[in-house]
Amino acid sequence: MKVKPLADRVIVKLGKSETKTAGGLIIPDTAQEKTQMGTVVEVGPGTEKEKITVKNGDKVMYDKYAGSQIKIDGEEHLILKMADIIAVVE
């Protein structure tokens, strides 16, 4: 499926959560904390008020409860507003 975000929206592929602790204990899915990092896979055209300042392939951090979760080809993604992206990770 191909999804193209509109206006100041960005599609981010979610990063993987840690499944083990540093000590080797396995963390069940229900106890894993939602990741707040992902990779930009698609960007909208922006608006006059909100310019898009990230590009495809950028690794970004976003607000914890931001966006709408969707599945694209069986993988978890978020559709975020540009304002919900708080940092680019290098």
N, C-alpha and C. Protein backbone atom coordinates (compact mmCIF):
# COMPACT_ATOMS: atom_id res chain seq x y z
N MET A 1 0.85 -1.17 0.00
CA MET A 1 0.00 0.00 0.00
C MET A 1 0.90 1.24 0.00
N LYS A 2 0.52 2.23 -0.76
CA LYS A 2 1.26 3.50 -0.83
C LYS A 2 0.44 4.57 -0.13
N VAL A 3 1.04 5.26 0.83
CA VAL A 3 0.36 6.32 1.58
C VAL A 3 1.17 7.60 1.41
N LYS A 4 0.52 8.67 0.99
CA LYS A 4 1.17 9.96 0.81
C LYS A 4 0.55 10.95 1.79
N PRO A 5 1.34 11.46 2.74
CA PRO A 5 0.79 12.41 3.72
C PRO A 5 0.47 13.75 3.08
N LEU A 6 -0.50 14.44 3.65
CA LEU A 6 -0.91 15.75 3.16
C LEU A 6 -0.40 16.85 4.08
N ALA A 7 -0.35 18.06 3.58
CA ALA A 7 0.00 19.26 4.34
C ALA A 7 1.29 19.07 5.12
N ASP A 8 1.26 19.32 6.44
CA ASP A 8 2.48 19.27 7.25
C ASP A 8 2.62 17.93 7.97
N ARG A 9 2.17 16.85 7.34
CA ARG A 9 2.23 15.53 7.96
C ARG A 9 3.48 14.76 7.47
N VAL A 10 3.96 13.85 8.31
CA VAL A 10 5.13 13.03 8.02
C VAL A 10 4.81 11.60 8.43
N ILE A 11 5.20 10.62 7.63
CA ILE A 11 5.03 9.22 7.99
C ILE A 11 6.37 8.71 8.52
N VAL A 12 6.31 8.11 9.72
CA VAL A 12 7.51 7.62 10.40
C VAL A 12 7.35 6.13 10.66
N LYS A 13 8.36 5.35 10.26
CA LYS A 13 8.38 3.92 10.57
C LYS A 13 8.91 3.79 11.99
N LEU A 14 8.15 3.08 12.83
CA LEU A 14 8.51 2.96 14.24
C LEU A 14 9.78 2.16 14.44
N GLY A 15 10.58 2.60 15.41
CA GLY A 15 11.78 1.86 15.80
C GLY A 15 11.37 0.65 16.62
N LYS A 16 12.28 -0.29 16.74
CA LYS A 16 12.01 -1.50 17.52
C LYS A 16 12.23 -1.24 18.99
N SER A 17 11.35 -1.76 19.82
CA SER A 17 11.50 -1.67 21.28
C SER A 17 12.49 -2.72 21.73
N GLU A 18 13.16 -2.41 22.84
CA GLU A 18 14.08 -3.39 23.43
C GLU A 18 13.27 -4.57 23.97
N THR A 19 13.71 -5.79 23.64
CA THR A 19 13.01 -6.98 24.11
C THR A 19 13.73 -7.64 25.26
N LYS A 20 14.97 -7.18 25.55
CA LYS A 20 15.73 -7.72 26.68
C LYS A 20 16.34 -6.58 27.47
N THR A 21 16.48 -6.79 28.78
CA THR A 21 17.16 -5.81 29.63
C THR A 21 18.66 -6.03 29.50
N ALA A 22 19.44 -5.12 30.05
CA ALA A 22 20.89 -5.25 30.04
C ALA A 22 21.34 -6.53 30.75
N GLY A 23 20.56 -6.98 31.73
CA GLY A 23 20.87 -8.20 32.48
C GLY A 23 20.42 -9.48 31.78
N GLY A 24 19.72 -9.34 30.64
CA GLY A 24 19.30 -10.50 29.87
C GLY A 24 17.87 -10.94 30.09
N LEU A 25 17.11 -10.22 30.93
CA LEU A 25 15.70 -10.59 31.14
C LEU A 25 14.87 -10.19 29.92
N ILE A 26 13.95 -11.06 29.55
CA ILE A 26 13.07 -10.79 28.40
C ILE A 26 11.89 -9.95 28.87
N ILE A 27 11.62 -8.85 28.14
CA ILE A 27 10.51 -7.96 28.47
C ILE A 27 9.31 -8.35 27.60
N PRO A 28 8.17 -8.72 28.20
CA PRO A 28 7.00 -9.08 27.37
C PRO A 28 6.45 -7.85 26.63
N ASP A 29 5.76 -8.09 25.52
CA ASP A 29 5.21 -7.01 24.71
C ASP A 29 4.35 -6.04 25.51
N THR A 30 3.59 -6.56 26.46
CA THR A 30 2.69 -5.71 27.22
C THR A 30 3.42 -4.76 28.16
N ALA A 31 4.67 -5.06 28.50
CA ALA A 31 5.44 -4.22 29.42
C ALA A 31 6.44 -3.32 28.71
N GLN A 32 6.59 -3.49 27.39
CA GLN A 32 7.53 -2.67 26.66
C GLN A 32 7.02 -1.26 26.52
N GLU A 33 7.91 -0.30 26.72
CA GLU A 33 7.53 1.11 26.58
C GLU A 33 7.48 1.46 25.10
N LYS A 34 6.52 2.27 24.74
CA LYS A 34 6.38 2.73 23.37
C LYS A 34 7.63 3.52 22.96
N THR A 35 8.20 3.16 21.82
CA THR A 35 9.39 3.88 21.36
C THR A 35 9.02 5.29 20.95
N GLN A 36 9.95 6.18 21.04
CA GLN A 36 9.71 7.56 20.64
C GLN A 36 10.68 7.97 19.55
N MET A 37 11.21 6.97 18.84
CA MET A 37 12.11 7.23 17.73
C MET A 37 11.68 6.40 16.54
N GLY A 38 11.94 6.93 15.37
CA GLY A 38 11.61 6.21 14.15
C GLY A 38 12.32 6.84 12.97
N THR A 39 12.07 6.29 11.79
CA THR A 39 12.71 6.75 10.57
C THR A 39 11.65 7.32 9.64
N VAL A 40 11.90 8.51 9.11
CA VAL A 40 10.98 9.16 8.18
C VAL A 40 10.97 8.38 6.87
N VAL A 41 9.77 8.01 6.41
CA VAL A 41 9.65 7.29 5.15
C VAL A 41 8.92 8.09 4.08
N GLU A 42 8.17 9.10 4.49
CA GLU A 42 7.42 9.92 3.52
C GLU A 42 7.07 11.25 4.16
N VAL A 43 7.13 12.32 3.38
CA VAL A 43 6.80 13.65 3.90
C VAL A 43 5.77 14.32 3.00
N GLY A 44 4.94 15.15 3.63
CA GLY A 44 3.96 15.94 2.89
C GLY A 44 4.62 17.18 2.32
N PRO A 45 3.87 17.98 1.56
CA PRO A 45 4.44 19.17 0.92
C PRO A 45 4.64 20.35 1.86
N GLY A 46 4.08 20.29 3.08
CA GLY A 46 4.17 21.42 4.01
C GLY A 46 3.06 22.43 3.73
N THR A 47 3.02 23.47 4.55
CA THR A 47 2.05 24.54 4.38
C THR A 47 2.79 25.86 4.46
N GLU A 48 2.09 26.95 4.25
CA GLU A 48 2.72 28.26 4.36
C GLU A 48 3.20 28.52 5.78
N LYS A 49 2.45 28.04 6.77
CA LYS A 49 2.80 28.26 8.18
C LYS A 49 3.80 27.24 8.70
N GLU A 50 3.73 26.01 8.22
CA GLU A 50 4.58 24.92 8.75
C GLU A 50 5.37 24.28 7.61
N LYS A 51 6.65 24.57 7.54
CA LYS A 51 7.53 23.99 6.53
C LYS A 51 8.03 22.63 7.01
N ILE A 52 8.25 21.72 6.09
CA ILE A 52 8.79 20.40 6.41
C ILE A 52 10.31 20.53 6.47
N THR A 53 10.89 20.19 7.61
CA THR A 53 12.34 20.35 7.79
C THR A 53 13.05 19.01 7.94
N VAL A 54 12.35 17.90 7.70
CA VAL A 54 12.97 16.58 7.71
C VAL A 54 12.84 15.98 6.31
N LYS A 55 13.62 14.95 6.05
CA LYS A 55 13.56 14.30 4.74
C LYS A 55 13.53 12.79 4.92
N ASN A 56 13.20 12.08 3.88
CA ASN A 56 13.17 10.62 3.94
C ASN A 56 14.50 10.09 4.43
N GLY A 57 14.44 9.11 5.34
CA GLY A 57 15.65 8.50 5.88
C GLY A 57 16.15 9.11 7.18
N ASP A 58 15.65 10.31 7.55
CA ASP A 58 16.06 10.93 8.81
C ASP A 58 15.53 10.11 9.99
N LYS A 59 16.38 9.93 11.00
CA LYS A 59 15.95 9.29 12.25
C LYS A 59 15.50 10.40 13.17
N VAL A 60 14.27 10.31 13.68
CA VAL A 60 13.69 11.40 14.45
C VAL A 60 13.14 10.92 15.79
N MET A 61 13.05 11.87 16.73
CA MET A 61 12.36 11.66 18.01
C MET A 61 11.06 12.45 17.93
N TYR A 62 10.00 11.91 18.55
CA TYR A 62 8.70 12.58 18.49
C TYR A 62 8.03 12.51 19.86
N ASP A 63 7.02 13.36 20.05
CA ASP A 63 6.26 13.37 21.30
C ASP A 63 5.66 11.99 21.57
N LYS A 64 5.61 11.62 22.83
CA LYS A 64 5.21 10.27 23.24
C LYS A 64 3.82 9.85 22.74
N TYR A 65 2.84 10.72 22.84
CA TYR A 65 1.46 10.33 22.49
C TYR A 65 0.99 10.96 21.19
N ALA A 66 1.92 11.33 20.34
CA ALA A 66 1.58 12.02 19.10
C ALA A 66 1.22 11.03 17.99
N GLY A 67 0.48 11.55 17.02
CA GLY A 67 0.25 10.83 15.78
C GLY A 67 -0.85 9.80 15.79
N SER A 68 -1.08 9.28 14.59
CA SER A 68 -2.06 8.22 14.36
C SER A 68 -1.31 6.99 13.87
N GLN A 69 -1.52 5.87 14.54
CA GLN A 69 -0.80 4.65 14.19
C GLN A 69 -1.51 3.95 13.05
N ILE A 70 -0.71 3.51 12.04
CA ILE A 70 -1.25 2.76 10.90
C ILE A 70 -0.30 1.61 10.58
N LYS A 71 -0.81 0.63 9.84
CA LYS A 71 0.04 -0.45 9.34
C LYS A 71 0.17 -0.30 7.84
N ILE A 72 1.40 -0.32 7.37
CA ILE A 72 1.67 -0.28 5.93
C ILE A 72 2.47 -1.53 5.61
N ASP A 73 1.92 -2.38 4.76
CA ASP A 73 2.56 -3.65 4.40
C ASP A 73 2.96 -4.45 5.62
N GLY A 74 2.11 -4.46 6.65
CA GLY A 74 2.34 -5.25 7.84
C GLY A 74 3.28 -4.65 8.87
N GLU A 75 3.81 -3.45 8.62
CA GLU A 75 4.73 -2.80 9.56
C GLU A 75 4.07 -1.57 10.18
N GLU A 76 4.38 -1.33 11.47
CA GLU A 76 3.79 -0.21 12.21
C GLU A 76 4.43 1.11 11.79
N HIS A 77 3.58 2.12 11.53
CA HIS A 77 4.01 3.47 11.19
C HIS A 77 3.15 4.47 11.95
N LEU A 78 3.62 5.70 12.03
CA LEU A 78 2.85 6.80 12.59
C LEU A 78 2.72 7.90 11.56
N ILE A 79 1.56 8.54 11.52
CA ILE A 79 1.41 9.77 10.76
C ILE A 79 1.45 10.90 11.78
N LEU A 80 2.48 11.73 11.69
CA LEU A 80 2.71 12.81 12.65
C LEU A 80 2.61 14.17 11.98
N LYS A 81 2.25 15.17 12.75
CA LYS A 81 2.37 16.55 12.30
C LYS A 81 3.85 16.94 12.46
N MET A 82 4.33 17.82 11.63
CA MET A 82 5.73 18.26 11.72
C MET A 82 6.02 18.81 13.11
N ALA A 83 5.05 19.48 13.74
CA ALA A 83 5.25 20.08 15.07
C ALA A 83 5.46 19.03 16.15
N ASP A 84 5.04 17.77 15.92
CA ASP A 84 5.21 16.70 16.89
C ASP A 84 6.62 16.11 16.88
N ILE A 85 7.39 16.41 15.84
CA ILE A 85 8.77 15.92 15.76
C ILE A 85 9.63 16.89 16.57
N ILE A 86 10.35 16.34 17.56
CA ILE A 86 11.09 17.21 18.47
C ILE A 86 12.59 17.24 18.20
N ALA A 87 13.13 16.26 17.44
CA ALA A 87 14.56 16.27 17.17
C ALA A 87 14.89 15.33 16.03
N VAL A 88 15.99 15.63 15.33
CA VAL A 88 16.58 14.72 14.36
C VAL A 88 17.81 14.11 15.03
N VAL A 89 17.90 12.79 15.01
CA VAL A 89 19.00 12.09 15.66
C VAL A 89 20.06 11.77 14.61
N GLU A 90 21.29 12.17 14.89
CA GLU A 90 22.39 11.91 13.93
C GLU A 90 23.31 10.84 14.45
